[in-house]
C-alpha atoms as a PDB file:
ATOM      1  CA  UNK A   1       2.956   0.688  16.250  1.00  0.00           C
ATOM      2  CA  UNK A   2       5.304   1.696  13.353  1.00  0.00           C
ATOM      3  CA  UNK A   3       5.874   5.207  12.516  1.00  0.00           C
ATOM      4  CA  UNK A   4       8.725   6.374   9.639  1.00  0.00           C
ATOM      5  CA  UNK A   5       9.577   9.906   9.674  1.00  0.00           C
ATOM      6  CA  UNK A   6      11.620  11.023   7.042  1.00  0.00           C
ATOM      7  CA  UNK A   7      13.847   8.144   6.765  1.00  0.00           C
ATOM      8  CA  UNK A   8      16.885   7.835   4.759  1.00  0.00           C
ATOM      9  CA  UNK A   9      19.947   5.293   4.659  1.00  0.00           C
ATOM     10  CA  UNK A  10      23.115   6.077   2.635  1.00  0.00           C
ATOM     11  CA  UNK A  11      25.975   3.909   2.557  1.00  0.00           C
ATOM     12  CA  UNK A  12      29.462   5.258   2.724  1.00  0.00           C
ATOM     13  CA  UNK A  13      31.541   4.523  -0.606  1.00  0.00           C
ATOM     14  CA  UNK A  14      34.102   1.667  -0.837  1.00  0.00           C
ATOM     15  CA  UNK A  15      36.681   3.735  -2.530  1.00  0.00           C
ATOM     16  CA  UNK A  16      36.734   1.475  -5.569  1.00  0.00           C
ATOM     17  CA  UNK A  17      35.232   1.285  -8.765  1.00  0.00           C
ATOM     18  CA  UNK A  18      31.121   1.766  -9.398  1.00  0.00           C
ATOM     19  CA  UNK A  19      30.536   1.949  -5.439  1.00  0.00           C
ATOM     20  CA  UNK A  20      33.341   4.694  -5.015  1.00  0.00           C
ATOM     21  CA  UNK A  21      30.874   7.056  -4.591  1.00  0.00           C
ATOM     22  CA  UNK A  22      28.322   6.976  -1.720  1.00  0.00           C
ATOM     23  CA  UNK A  23      24.809   4.890  -2.120  1.00  0.00           C
ATOM     24  CA  UNK A  24      21.636   5.996  -0.870  1.00  0.00           C
ATOM     25  CA  UNK A  25      18.993   2.989  -0.784  1.00  0.00           C
ATOM     26  CA  UNK A  26      16.244   4.603   1.180  1.00  0.00           C
ATOM     27  CA  UNK A  27      15.851   8.617   0.837  1.00  0.00           C
ATOM     28  CA  UNK A  28      12.911  10.397   2.693  1.00  0.00           C
ATOM     29  CA  UNK A  29      10.775   7.608   3.724  1.00  0.00           C
ATOM     30  CA  UNK A  30       7.462   8.632   5.801  1.00  0.00           C
ATOM     31  CA  UNK A  31       5.155   5.556   6.871  1.00  0.00           C
ATOM     32  CA  UNK A  32       2.828   4.667   9.651  1.00  0.00           C
ATOM     33  CA  UNK A  33       1.594   1.178  10.148  1.00  0.00           C
ATOM     34  CA  UNK A  34      -1.599   1.045  12.285  1.00  0.00           C
ATOM     35  CA  UNK A  35      -1.421  -1.423  15.407  1.00  0.00           C
ATOM     36  CA  UNK A  36      -2.919  -5.079  14.286  1.00  0.00           C
ATOM     37  CA  UNK A  37      -2.372  -3.940  10.518  1.00  0.00           C
ATOM     38  CA  UNK A  38      -0.735  -5.600   7.722  1.00  0.00           C
ATOM     39  CA  UNK A  39       1.793  -3.414   5.291  1.00  0.00           C
ATOM     40  CA  UNK A  40       2.717  -4.917   2.164  1.00  0.00           C
ATOM     41  CA  UNK A  41       6.051  -3.275   0.524  1.00  0.00           C
ATOM     42  CA  UNK A  42       6.693  -4.022  -3.272  1.00  0.00           C
ATOM     43  CA  UNK A  43       9.325  -2.811  -5.097  1.00  0.00           C
ATOM     44  CA  UNK A  44      11.592  -4.335  -8.207  1.00  0.00           C
ATOM     45  CA  UNK A  45      15.269  -5.745  -7.214  1.00  0.00           C
ATOM     46  CA  UNK A  46      17.091  -2.759  -5.951  1.00  0.00           C
ATOM     47  CA  UNK A  47      14.105  -0.630  -4.748  1.00  0.00           C
ATOM     48  CA  UNK A  48      15.419  -0.332  -1.028  1.00  0.00           C
ATOM     49  CA  UNK A  49      12.297  -2.661   0.275  1.00  0.00           C
ATOM     50  CA  UNK A  50      14.800  -5.092   2.320  1.00  0.00           C
ATOM     51  CA  UNK A  51      17.050  -1.908   3.418  1.00  0.00           C
ATOM     52  CA  UNK A  52      13.601   0.026   4.615  1.00  0.00           C
ATOM     53  CA  UNK A  53      12.676  -3.359   6.604  1.00  0.00           C
ATOM     54  CA  UNK A  54      15.527  -3.677   8.230  1.00  0.00           C
ATOM     55  CA  UNK A  55      15.480  -0.299   9.364  1.00  0.00           C
ATOM     56  CA  UNK A  56      12.276  -0.966  10.969  1.00  0.00           C
ATOM     57  CA  UNK A  57      14.446  -3.062  13.939  1.00  0.00           C
ATOM     58  CA  UNK A  58      17.440  -0.444  13.761  1.00  0.00           C
ATOM     59  CA  UNK A  59      19.616  -3.788  12.043  1.00  0.00           C
ATOM     60  CA  UNK A  60      20.308  -1.301   9.619  1.00  0.00           C
ATOM     61  CA  UNK A  61      20.741   2.325  11.641  1.00  0.00           C
ATOM     62  CA  UNK A  62      19.113   5.499   9.515  1.00  0.00           C
ATOM     63  CA  UNK A  63      21.286   8.112   7.939  1.00  0.00           C
ATOM     64  CA  UNK A  64      18.357  10.628   8.354  1.00  0.00           C
ATOM     65  CA  UNK A  65      15.203  10.711  10.172  1.00  0.00           C
ATOM     66  CA  UNK A  66      13.479   9.066  12.647  1.00  0.00           C
ATOM     67  CA  UNK A  67      12.273   5.336  13.357  1.00  0.00           C
ATOM     68  CA  UNK A  68       9.385   4.499  16.169  1.00  0.00           C
ATOM     69  CA  UNK A  69       8.192   1.509  17.121  1.00  0.00           C
ATOM     70  CA  UNK A  70       5.249   1.220  19.475  1.00  0.00           C
ATOM     71  CA  UNK A  71       6.070   5.030  20.604  1.00  0.00           C
ATOM     72  CA  UNK A  72       9.361   4.605  21.217  1.00  0.00           C
ATOM     73  CA  UNK A  73      12.217   6.769  19.036  1.00  0.00           C
ATOM     74  CA  UNK A  74      15.086   3.778  18.332  1.00  0.00           C
ATOM     75  CA  UNK A  75      17.573   6.293  17.648  1.00  0.00           C
ATOM     76  CA  UNK A  76      17.485   7.569  21.411  1.00  0.00           C
ATOM     77  CA  UNK A  77      17.521   4.201  22.816  1.00  0.00           C
ATOM     78  CA  UNK A  78      20.393   2.513  24.846  1.00  0.00           C
ATOM     79  CA  UNK A  79      21.700  -0.363  23.721  1.00  0.00           C
ATOM     80  CA  UNK A  80      19.898  -2.453  26.599  1.00  0.00           C
ATOM     81  CA  UNK A  81      16.698  -0.588  25.700  1.00  0.00           C
ATOM     82  CA  UNK A  82      16.927  -1.379  21.825  1.00  0.00           C
ATOM     83  CA  UNK A  83      18.163  -4.794  22.502  1.00  0.00           C
ATOM     84  CA  UNK A  84      14.610  -4.953  24.593  1.00  0.00           C
ATOM     85  CA  UNK A  85      12.344  -3.324  21.907  1.00  0.00           C
ATOM     86  CA  UNK A  86      13.743  -5.990  19.497  1.00  0.00           C
ATOM     87  CA  UNK A  87      12.648  -8.843  21.563  1.00  0.00           C
ATOM     88  CA  UNK A  88       9.149  -7.181  20.264  1.00  0.00           C
ATOM     89  CA  UNK A  89       9.733  -7.397  17.049  1.00  0.00           C
ATOM     90  CA  UNK A  90       9.930 -10.673  15.204  1.00  0.00           C
ATOM     91  CA  UNK A  91      11.356 -11.633  11.980  1.00  0.00           C
ATOM     92  CA  UNK A  92      11.366 -14.172   9.011  1.00  0.00           C
ATOM     93  CA  UNK A  93      13.629 -14.711   5.977  1.00  0.00           C
ATOM     94  CA  UNK A  94      13.251 -15.829   2.933  1.00  0.00           C
ATOM     95  CA  UNK A  95      16.113 -18.535   3.194  1.00  0.00           C
ATOM     96  CA  UNK A  96      14.638 -19.425   6.537  1.00  0.00           C
ATOM     97  CA  UNK A  97      18.168 -18.943   8.316  1.00  0.00           C
ATOM     98  CA  UNK A  98      17.624 -21.990  10.701  1.00  0.00           C
ATOM     99  CA  UNK A  99      20.304 -23.539  12.677  1.00  0.00           C
ATOM    100  CA  UNK A 100      21.003 -27.005  11.172  1.00  0.00           C
ATOM    101  CA  UNK A 101      22.721 -28.358  14.193  1.00  0.00           C
ATOM    102  CA  UNK A 102      19.353 -27.957  16.100  1.00  0.00           C
ATOM    103  CA  UNK A 103      16.169 -29.371  16.578  1.00  0.00           C
ATOM    104  CA  UNK A 104      12.984 -27.874  15.102  1.00  0.00           C
ATOM    105  CA  UNK A 105      12.627 -27.328  19.080  1.00  0.00           C
ATOM    106  CA  UNK A 106      15.709 -26.050  19.633  1.00  0.00           C
ATOM    107  CA  UNK A 107      15.254 -23.362  16.480  1.00  0.00           C
ATOM    108  CA  UNK A 108      12.137 -21.796  18.147  1.00  0.00           C
ATOM    109  CA  UNK A 109      13.566 -22.096  21.682  1.00  0.00           C
ATOM    110  CA  UNK A 110      16.811 -20.387  20.903  1.00  0.00           C
ATOM    111  CA  UNK A 111      15.865 -16.605  21.063  1.00  0.00           C
ATOM    112  CA  UNK A 112      14.193 -17.355  24.070  1.00  0.00           C
ATOM    113  CA  UNK A 113      17.328 -18.870  25.390  1.00  0.00           C
ATOM    114  CA  UNK A 114      19.157 -15.714  24.227  1.00  0.00           C
ATOM    115  CA  UNK A 115      16.666 -13.437  26.507  1.00  0.00           C
ATOM    116  CA  UNK A 116      17.873 -15.661  29.510  1.00  0.00           C
ATOM    117  CA  UNK A 117      14.333 -17.818  29.732  1.00  0.00           C
ATOM    118  CA  UNK A 118      14.976 -20.758  32.075  1.00  0.00           C
ATOM    119  CA  UNK A 119      15.210 -23.941  29.756  1.00  0.00           C
ATOM    120  CA  UNK A 120      12.039 -25.743  31.087  1.00  0.00           C
ATOM    121  CA  UNK A 121      10.277 -22.458  30.375  1.00  0.00           C
ATOM    122  CA  UNK A 122      11.551 -21.784  26.803  1.00  0.00           C
ATOM    123  CA  UNK A 123      11.034 -25.385  25.803  1.00  0.00           C
ATOM    124  CA  UNK A 124       7.223 -24.788  27.109  1.00  0.00           C
ATOM    125  CA  UNK A 125       6.637 -21.904  24.951  1.00  0.00           C
ATOM    126  CA  UNK A 126       8.752 -23.759  22.072  1.00  0.00           C
ATOM    127  CA  UNK A 127       5.923 -26.548  21.966  1.00  0.00           C
ATOM    128  CA  UNK A 128       3.192 -23.660  22.298  1.00  0.00           C
ATOM    129  CA  UNK A 129       4.266 -21.879  19.161  1.00  0.00           C
ATOM    130  CA  UNK A 130       4.734 -25.578  17.486  1.00  0.00           C
ATOM    131  CA  UNK A 131       1.579 -26.378  18.347  1.00  0.00           C
ATOM    132  CA  UNK A 132       0.090 -22.908  17.049  1.00  0.00           C
ATOM    133  CA  UNK A 133       1.948 -23.513  13.373  1.00  0.00           C
ATOM    134  CA  UNK A 134       0.613 -26.960  13.108  1.00  0.00           C
ATOM    135  CA  UNK A 135       4.303 -28.560  13.803  1.00  0.00           C
ATOM    136  CA  UNK A 136       4.325 -29.907  16.892  1.00  0.00           C
ATOM    137  CA  UNK A 137       4.857 -33.583  15.529  1.00  0.00           C
ATOM    138  CA  UNK A 138       8.373 -32.560  14.077  1.00  0.00           C
ATOM    139  CA  UNK A 139       9.946 -30.974  16.908  1.00  0.00           C
ATOM    140  CA  UNK A 140      12.613 -33.828  17.254  1.00  0.00           C
ATOM    141  CA  UNK A 141      13.529 -33.457  13.723  1.00  0.00           C
ATOM    142  CA  UNK A 142      16.092 -31.427  12.016  1.00  0.00           C
ATOM    143  CA  UNK A 143      15.623 -28.774   9.291  1.00  0.00           C
ATOM    144  CA  UNK A 144      17.019 -30.816   6.421  1.00  0.00           C
ATOM    145  CA  UNK A 145      14.316 -33.315   7.460  1.00  0.00           C
ATOM    146  CA  UNK A 146      11.797 -30.744   6.863  1.00  0.00           C
ATOM    147  CA  UNK A 147       9.752 -29.341   3.442  1.00  0.00           C
ATOM    148  CA  UNK A 148      10.539 -25.716   2.470  1.00  0.00           C
ATOM    149  CA  UNK A 149       6.871 -24.645   3.897  1.00  0.00           C
ATOM    150  CA  UNK A 150       7.759 -26.447   7.054  1.00  0.00           C
ATOM    151  CA  UNK A 151      11.125 -24.625   7.297  1.00  0.00           C
ATOM    152  CA  UNK A 152       8.892 -21.507   6.965  1.00  0.00           C
ATOM    153  CA  UNK A 153       6.651 -22.395   9.717  1.00  0.00           C
ATOM    154  CA  UNK A 154       9.450 -23.052  11.885  1.00  0.00           C
ATOM    155  CA  UNK A 155      10.706 -19.661  11.266  1.00  0.00           C
ATOM    156  CA  UNK A 156       7.530 -18.348  11.799  1.00  0.00           C
ATOM    157  CA  UNK A 157       7.501 -20.412  14.927  1.00  0.00           C
ATOM    158  CA  UNK A 158      10.566 -18.602  15.896  1.00  0.00           C
ATOM    159  CA  UNK A 159       9.525 -15.588  15.402  1.00  0.00           C
ATOM    160  CA  UNK A 160       6.573 -15.584  17.767  1.00  0.00           C
ATOM    161  CA  UNK A 161       8.454 -17.227  20.414  1.00  0.00           C
ATOM    162  CA  UNK A 162       9.218 -14.137  22.318  1.00  0.00           C
ATOM    163  CA  UNK A 163       5.480 -12.780  21.890  1.00  0.00           C
ATOM    164  CA  UNK A 164       6.117  -9.867  19.577  1.00  0.00           C
ATOM    165  CA  UNK A 165       4.134  -7.253  18.874  1.00  0.00           C
ATOM    166  CA  UNK A 166       5.366  -6.600  15.412  1.00  0.00           C
ATOM    167  CA  UNK A 167       6.650  -9.255  12.566  1.00  0.00           C
ATOM    168  CA  UNK A 168       8.778  -8.419   9.927  1.00  0.00           C
ATOM    169  CA  UNK A 169       8.711 -10.720   7.009  1.00  0.00           C
ATOM    170  CA  UNK A 170      11.714 -10.564   4.163  1.00  0.00           C
ATOM    171  CA  UNK A 171      10.551 -12.058   1.077  1.00  0.00           C
ATOM    172  CA  UNK A 172       9.380 -14.703   3.492  1.00  0.00           C
ATOM    173  CA  UNK A 173       7.311 -16.575   0.298  1.00  0.00           C
ATOM    174  CA  UNK A 174       9.952 -16.088  -2.831  1.00  0.00           C
ATOM    175  CA  UNK A 175      11.527 -19.486  -2.022  1.00  0.00           C
ATOM    176  CA  UNK A 176       7.932 -21.365  -1.991  1.00  0.00           C
ATOM    177  CA  UNK A 177       5.715 -22.711  -4.791  1.00  0.00           C
ATOM    178  CA  UNK A 178       2.409 -21.465  -5.145  1.00  0.00           C
ATOM    179  CA  UNK A 179       0.623 -24.422  -2.980  1.00  0.00           C
ATOM    180  CA  UNK A 180       3.114 -23.623  -0.012  1.00  0.00           C
ATOM    181  CA  UNK A 181       3.046 -19.867  -0.773  1.00  0.00           C
ATOM    182  CA  UNK A 182      -0.643 -20.437  -0.179  1.00  0.00           C
ATOM    183  CA  UNK A 183      -0.726 -21.857   3.360  1.00  0.00           C
ATOM    184  CA  UNK A 184       2.576 -19.674   4.658  1.00  0.00           C
ATOM    185  CA  UNK A 185       0.106 -16.847   3.633  1.00  0.00           C
ATOM    186  CA  UNK A 186      -3.135 -18.471   5.630  1.00  0.00           C
ATOM    187  CA  UNK A 187      -0.910 -19.019   8.665  1.00  0.00           C
ATOM    188  CA  UNK A 188       0.637 -15.202   8.494  1.00  0.00           C
ATOM    189  CA  UNK A 189      -3.209 -14.368   8.483  1.00  0.00           C
ATOM    190  CA  UNK A 190      -4.090 -16.342  11.700  1.00  0.00           C
ATOM    191  CA  UNK A 191      -0.863 -14.654  13.407  1.00  0.00           C
ATOM    192  CA  UNK A 192      -2.371 -11.162  12.500  1.00  0.00           C
ATOM    193  CA  UNK A 193      -6.564 -11.935  13.450  1.00  0.00           C
ATOM    194  CA  UNK A 194      -5.628 -14.157  16.454  1.00  0.00           C
ATOM    195  CA  UNK A 195      -3.023 -13.148  18.030  1.00  0.00           C
ATOM    196  CA  UNK A 196      -3.192  -9.327  16.898  1.00  0.00           C
ATOM    197  CA  UNK A 197       0.409  -8.900  15.880  1.00  0.00           C
ATOM    198  CA  UNK A 198       1.252  -5.736  13.258  1.00  0.00           C
ATOM    199  CA  UNK A 199       2.844  -7.037   9.890  1.00  0.00           C
ATOM    200  CA  UNK A 200       5.356  -5.636   7.811  1.00  0.00           C
ATOM    201  CA  UNK A 201       5.941  -7.911   4.844  1.00  0.00           C
ATOM    202  CA  UNK A 202       8.245  -7.191   2.164  1.00  0.00           C
ATOM    203  CA  UNK A 203       7.571  -8.878  -1.580  1.00  0.00           C
ATOM    204  CA  UNK A 204       7.835  -8.590  -5.017  1.00  0.00           C
ATOM    205  CA  UNK A 205       4.760 -10.749  -5.374  1.00  0.00           C
ATOM    206  CA  UNK A 206       1.980  -8.191  -5.709  1.00  0.00           C
ATOM    207  CA  UNK A 207      -0.589 -11.712  -5.118  1.00  0.00           C
ATOM    208  CA  UNK A 208       0.731 -12.246  -1.685  1.00  0.00           C
ATOM    209  CA  UNK A 209      -0.145  -8.120  -1.408  1.00  0.00           C
ATOM    210  CA  UNK A 210      -3.848  -8.001  -2.457  1.00  0.00           C
ATOM    211  CA  UNK A 211      -4.444 -11.742  -0.469  1.00  0.00           C
ATOM    212  CA  UNK A 212      -2.755 -10.756   2.612  1.00  0.00           C
ATOM    213  CA  UNK A 213      -2.178  -7.228   3.406  1.00  0.00           C
ATOM    214  CA  UNK A 214      -4.333  -3.917   4.321  1.00  0.00           C
ATOM    215  CA  UNK A 215      -1.966  -1.159   3.024  1.00  0.00           C
ATOM    216  CA  UNK A 216       0.749  -1.431   0.336  1.00  0.00           C
ATOM    217  CA  UNK A 217       3.619   0.728  -0.274  1.00  0.00           C
ATOM    218  CA  UNK A 218       5.430   0.914  -3.548  1.00  0.00           C
ATOM    219  CA  UNK A 219       9.033   1.789  -3.678  1.00  0.00           C
ATOM    220  CA  UNK A 220      11.243   2.523  -6.678  1.00  0.00           C
ATOM    221  CA  UNK A 221      14.431   4.235  -6.415  1.00  0.00           C
ATOM    222  CA  UNK A 222      14.768   4.056  -2.572  1.00  0.00           C
ATOM    223  CA  UNK A 223      11.642   6.159  -2.360  1.00  0.00           C
ATOM    224  CA  UNK A 224       7.486   5.474  -1.409  1.00  0.00           C
ATOM    225  CA  UNK A 225       6.128   6.472  -5.021  1.00  0.00           C
ATOM    226  CA  UNK A 226       2.765   5.027  -4.020  1.00  0.00           C
ATOM    227  CA  UNK A 227       1.220   4.282  -0.750  1.00  0.00           C
ATOM    228  CA  UNK A 228      -2.293   3.661   0.935  1.00  0.00           C
ATOM    229  CA  UNK A 229      -5.368   0.918   0.968  1.00  0.00           C
ATOM    230  CA  UNK A 230      -4.447  -2.154  -1.104  1.00  0.00           C
ATOM    231  CA  UNK A 231      -8.418  -1.935  -3.056  1.00  0.00           C
ATOM    232  CA  UNK A 232      -7.609   1.682  -3.400  1.00  0.00           C
ATOM    233  CA  UNK A 233      -4.372   1.186  -4.997  1.00  0.00           C
ATOM    234  CA  UNK A 234      -4.823  -1.828  -6.771  1.00  0.00           C
ATOM    235  CA  UNK A 235      -8.014  -0.348  -8.292  1.00  0.00           C
ATOM    236  CA  UNK A 236      -6.565   3.039  -9.290  1.00  0.00           C
ATOM    237  CA  UNK A 237      -3.121   3.062  -9.375  1.00  0.00           C
ATOM    238  CA  UNK A 238      -1.315   6.197  -9.749  1.00  0.00           C
ATOM    239  CA  UNK A 239       2.475   5.616 -10.615  1.00  0.00           C
ATOM    240  CA  UNK A 240       3.844   3.870 -13.460  1.00  0.00           C
ATOM    241  CA  UNK A 241       5.805   1.210 -11.186  1.00  0.00           C
ATOM    242  CA  UNK A 242       2.089   0.516  -9.294  1.00  0.00           C
ATOM    243  CA  UNK A 243       0.462   0.100 -12.249  1.00  0.00           C
ATOM    244  CA  UNK A 244       2.942  -2.463 -13.626  1.00  0.00           C
ATOM    245  CA  UNK A 245       2.818  -4.607 -10.397  1.00  0.00           C
ATOM    246  CA  UNK A 246      -1.077  -4.341 -10.206  1.00  0.00           C
ATOM    247  CA  UNK A 247      -1.675  -5.244 -14.019  1.00  0.00           C
ATOM    248  CA  UNK A 248       1.032  -8.293 -13.340  1.00  0.00           C
ATOM    249  CA  UNK A 249      -1.164  -9.539 -10.425  1.00  0.00           C
ATOM    250  CA  UNK A 250      -4.507  -9.156 -12.231  1.00  0.00           C
ATOM    251  CA  UNK A 251      -3.805  -9.753 -15.941  1.00  0.00           C
ATOM    252  CA  UNK A 252      -7.242  -8.269 -16.703  1.00  0.00           C
ATOM    253  CA  UNK A 253      -6.302  -6.116 -19.534  1.00  0.00           C
ATOM    254  CA  UNK A 254      -4.892  -7.788 -22.415  1.00  0.00           C
ATOM    255  CA  UNK A 255      -1.585  -6.427 -23.787  1.00  0.00           C
ATOM    256  CA  UNK A 256      -0.607  -5.409 -27.148  1.00  0.00           C
ATOM    257  CA  UNK A 257       0.352  -8.958 -28.451  1.00  0.00           C
ATOM    258  CA  UNK A 258      -3.016 -10.164 -26.746  1.00  0.00           C
ATOM    259  CA  UNK A 259      -5.098  -7.375 -28.533  1.00  0.00           C
ATOM    260  CA  UNK A 260      -3.823  -8.542 -32.036  1.00  0.00           C
ATOM    261  CA  UNK A 261      -4.770 -12.398 -31.299  1.00  0.00           C
ATOM    262  CA  UNK A 262      -8.028 -11.027 -29.561  1.00  0.00           C
ATOM    263  CA  UNK A 263      -8.790  -8.811 -32.663  1.00  0.00           C
ATOM    264  CA  UNK A 264      -7.771 -11.875 -35.100  1.00  0.00           C
ATOM    265  CA  UNK A 265     -10.706 -14.198 -33.052  1.00  0.00           C
ATOM    266  CA  UNK A 266     -12.991 -11.554 -32.588  1.00  0.00           C
ATOM    267  CA  UNK A 267     -13.513  -8.828 -35.268  1.00  0.00           C
ATOM    268  CA  UNK A 268     -16.480  -7.002 -33.842  1.00  0.00           C
ATOM    269  CA  UNK A 269     -17.106  -4.338 -31.726  1.00  0.00           C
ATOM    270  CA  UNK A 270     -15.258  -4.827 -28.385  1.00  0.00           C
ATOM    271  CA  UNK A 271     -15.600  -2.712 -25.068  1.00  0.00           C
ATOM    272  CA  UNK A 272     -14.144  -3.550 -21.823  1.00  0.00           C
ATOM    273  CA  UNK A 273     -16.323  -3.162 -18.663  1.00  0.00           C
ATOM    274  CA  UNK A 274     -14.186  -2.785 -15.216  1.00  0.00           C
ATOM    275  CA  UNK A 275     -15.476  -4.770 -12.482  1.00  0.00           C
ATOM    276  CA  UNK A 276     -15.442  -3.681  -8.539  1.00  0.00           C
ATOM    277  CA  UNK A 277     -16.717  -3.083  -5.032  1.00  0.00           C
ATOM    278  CA  UNK A 278     -18.147  -0.089  -5.890  1.00  0.00           C
ATOM    279  CA  UNK A 279     -19.966  -0.732  -8.549  1.00  0.00           C
ATOM    280  CA  UNK A 280     -23.672   1.060  -8.306  1.00  0.00           C
ATOM    281  CA  UNK A 281     -25.645  -1.458  -9.561  1.00  0.00           C
ATOM    282  CA  UNK A 282     -24.124  -5.578 -10.293  1.00  0.00           C
ATOM    283  CA  UNK A 283     -26.574  -6.268 -12.399  1.00  0.00           C
ATOM    284  CA  UNK A 284     -26.655  -2.913 -14.745  1.00  0.00           C
ATOM    285  CA  UNK A 285     -24.477  -4.922 -17.571  1.00  0.00           C
ATOM    286  CA  UNK A 286     -27.019  -7.643 -18.095  1.00  0.00           C
ATOM    287  CA  UNK A 287     -29.653  -5.336 -18.029  1.00  0.00           C
ATOM    288  CA  UNK A 288     -28.405  -2.709 -20.652  1.00  0.00           C
ATOM    289  CA  UNK A 289     -27.498  -5.513 -23.048  1.00  0.00           C
ATOM    290  CA  UNK A 290     -31.175  -6.945 -22.827  1.00  0.00           C
ATOM    291  CA  UNK A 291     -32.568  -3.042 -22.941  1.00  0.00           C
ATOM    292  CA  UNK A 292     -30.616  -2.631 -26.171  1.00  0.00           C
ATOM    293  CA  UNK A 293     -31.266  -5.769 -27.526  1.00  0.00           C
ATOM    294  CA  UNK A 294     -27.543  -6.373 -27.408  1.00  0.00           C
ATOM    295  CA  UNK A 295     -26.069 -10.089 -27.517  1.00  0.00           C
ATOM    296  CA  UNK A 296     -22.225 -10.594 -26.500  1.00  0.00           C
ATOM    297  CA  UNK A 297     -19.217 -13.039 -26.543  1.00  0.00           C
ATOM    298  CA  UNK A 298     -16.761 -12.869 -23.737  1.00  0.00           C
ATOM    299  CA  UNK A 299     -13.528 -12.373 -25.510  1.00  0.00           C
ATOM    300  CA  UNK A 300     -11.257 -11.722 -22.483  1.00  0.00           C
ATOM    301  CA  UNK A 301     -11.526 -11.551 -18.542  1.00  0.00           C
ATOM    302  CA  UNK A 302      -9.770 -11.280 -15.559  1.00  0.00           C
ATOM    303  CA  UNK A 303     -11.668 -10.748 -12.423  1.00  0.00           C
ATOM    304  CA  UNK A 304      -9.937 -11.521  -8.883  1.00  0.00           C
ATOM    305  CA  UNK A 305     -10.321 -10.773  -5.421  1.00  0.00           C
ATOM    306  CA  UNK A 306      -8.505  -8.094  -3.527  1.00  0.00           C
ATOM    307  CA  UNK A 307      -9.298  -8.299   0.226  1.00  0.00           C
ATOM    308  CA  UNK A 308     -12.268 -10.426  -0.391  1.00  0.00           C
ATOM    309  CA  UNK A 309     -13.884  -7.800  -2.921  1.00  0.00           C
ATOM    310  CA  UNK A 310     -13.669  -8.609  -6.757  1.00  0.00           C
ATOM    311  CA  UNK A 311     -11.614  -6.369  -8.886  1.00  0.00           C
ATOM    312  CA  UNK A 312     -10.929  -6.523 -12.566  1.00  0.00           C
ATOM    313  CA  UNK A 313     -12.309  -6.384 -16.246  1.00  0.00           C
ATOM    314  CA  UNK A 314     -14.403  -8.103 -18.885  1.00  0.00           C
ATOM    315  CA  UNK A 315     -14.001  -7.720 -22.673  1.00  0.00           C
ATOM    316  CA  UNK A 316     -16.813  -8.311 -24.827  1.00  0.00           C
ATOM    317  CA  UNK A 317     -17.350  -8.753 -28.430  1.00  0.00           C
ATOM    318  CA  UNK A 318     -20.955  -6.750 -28.723  1.00  0.00           C
ATOM    319  CA  UNK A 319     -23.215  -8.270 -31.599  1.00  0.00           C
ATOM    320  CA  UNK A 320     -26.583  -6.676 -32.907  1.00  0.00           C
ATOM    321  CA  UNK A 321     -27.643  -3.656 -35.078  1.00  0.00           C
ATOM    322  CA  UNK A 322     -24.962  -0.780 -34.834  1.00  0.00           C
ATOM    323  CA  UNK A 323     -27.115   1.682 -33.788  1.00  0.00           C
ATOM    324  CA  UNK A 324     -28.290  -0.396 -31.035  1.00  0.00           C
ATOM    325  CA  UNK A 325     -25.070  -1.314 -30.086  1.00  0.00           C
ATOM    326  CA  UNK A 326     -24.201   3.075 -29.879  1.00  0.00           C
ATOM    327  CA  UNK A 327     -26.767   3.230 -27.294  1.00  0.00           C
ATOM    328  CA  UNK A 328     -25.981   0.552 -25.259  1.00  0.00           C
ATOM    329  CA  UNK A 329     -21.885   2.513 -25.161  1.00  0.00           C
ATOM    330  CA  UNK A 330     -24.024   5.791 -24.539  1.00  0.00           C
ATOM    331  CA  UNK A 331     -25.657   4.493 -21.906  1.00  0.00           C
ATOM    332  CA  UNK A 332     -23.154   2.357 -20.438  1.00  0.00           C
ATOM    333  CA  UNK A 333     -20.646   5.192 -20.175  1.00  0.00           C
ATOM    334  CA  UNK A 334     -17.721   3.094 -21.296  1.00  0.00           C
ATOM    335  CA  UNK A 335     -15.376   3.345 -24.279  1.00  0.00           C
ATOM    336  CA  UNK A 336     -15.586   1.111 -27.121  1.00  0.00           C
ATOM    337  CA  UNK A 337     -11.750  -0.572 -27.680  1.00  0.00           C
ATOM    338  CA  UNK A 338      -9.977   0.610 -30.535  1.00  0.00           C
ATOM    339  CA  UNK A 339      -8.291  -1.648 -32.928  1.00  0.00           C
ATOM    340  CA  UNK A 340      -4.559  -2.406 -32.416  1.00  0.00           C
END
């Protein structure tokens, strides 16, 4: 559905100060998003992820490379053809971007009005998508009368009004509290599963990626430094930037200061055991503990879910005869945690 081929975006210098020289926001990015999939693009501020998102619908025109949507090279299209393609690409924003002077229904119907849809038909379609997002009873209200979560659902309804095949989400949950974020993610999951819409979601929140996305692309300095299946990237991060994001989401391995506190409370021998979906024997740990006569205390645990599969680790303080613990560790084949 979406293909980026060696895409780059460089802005010319302004002629003043630090921005005198040209600035490259995106450099040599190649990505493919299959139809009906959800891609999360993560990175720190300034990594280039929002620019990359705007390149997908040519709100930003690339200075190099190609952007293809549903097989069409956007750079080769006429202005009218590009406008037609853009109608098949919905977009939602961090700050909602709703018209304060229009009702909820008027906001949702607005892109249909721009497309020349007859008024009655546009209002009927707007009412339909408002039902889908659960806001049919708010149609006559104005955006300032709604909560943040409701405003974002209006934004999603507006993006769905033209029946797009692609939905682009630019930090769609960053302005929301955790509970409301969960509600919006549930709605986006329905958009993907029930409507079959391909989603590209830019975020700096790895929790959003692990709960919604099929694939993830990690950006740093305008480049994609790592990409792939969400579970694979979470369970085996290769790039340091990816590892930082993954650790922030899982919180399964204590940091240096936390290890010092753990050591004060648990002076015995510690071992950290990974928990993953591809564990050959789910009960292997308890079986080995029993077999070697080793008892334990849970010193730290961080096990969550990534795409409905477990991932994380458990740190145990081991109790028992030293030789028994040695034999247990040797068979477990997981290294003992050294003191800090």
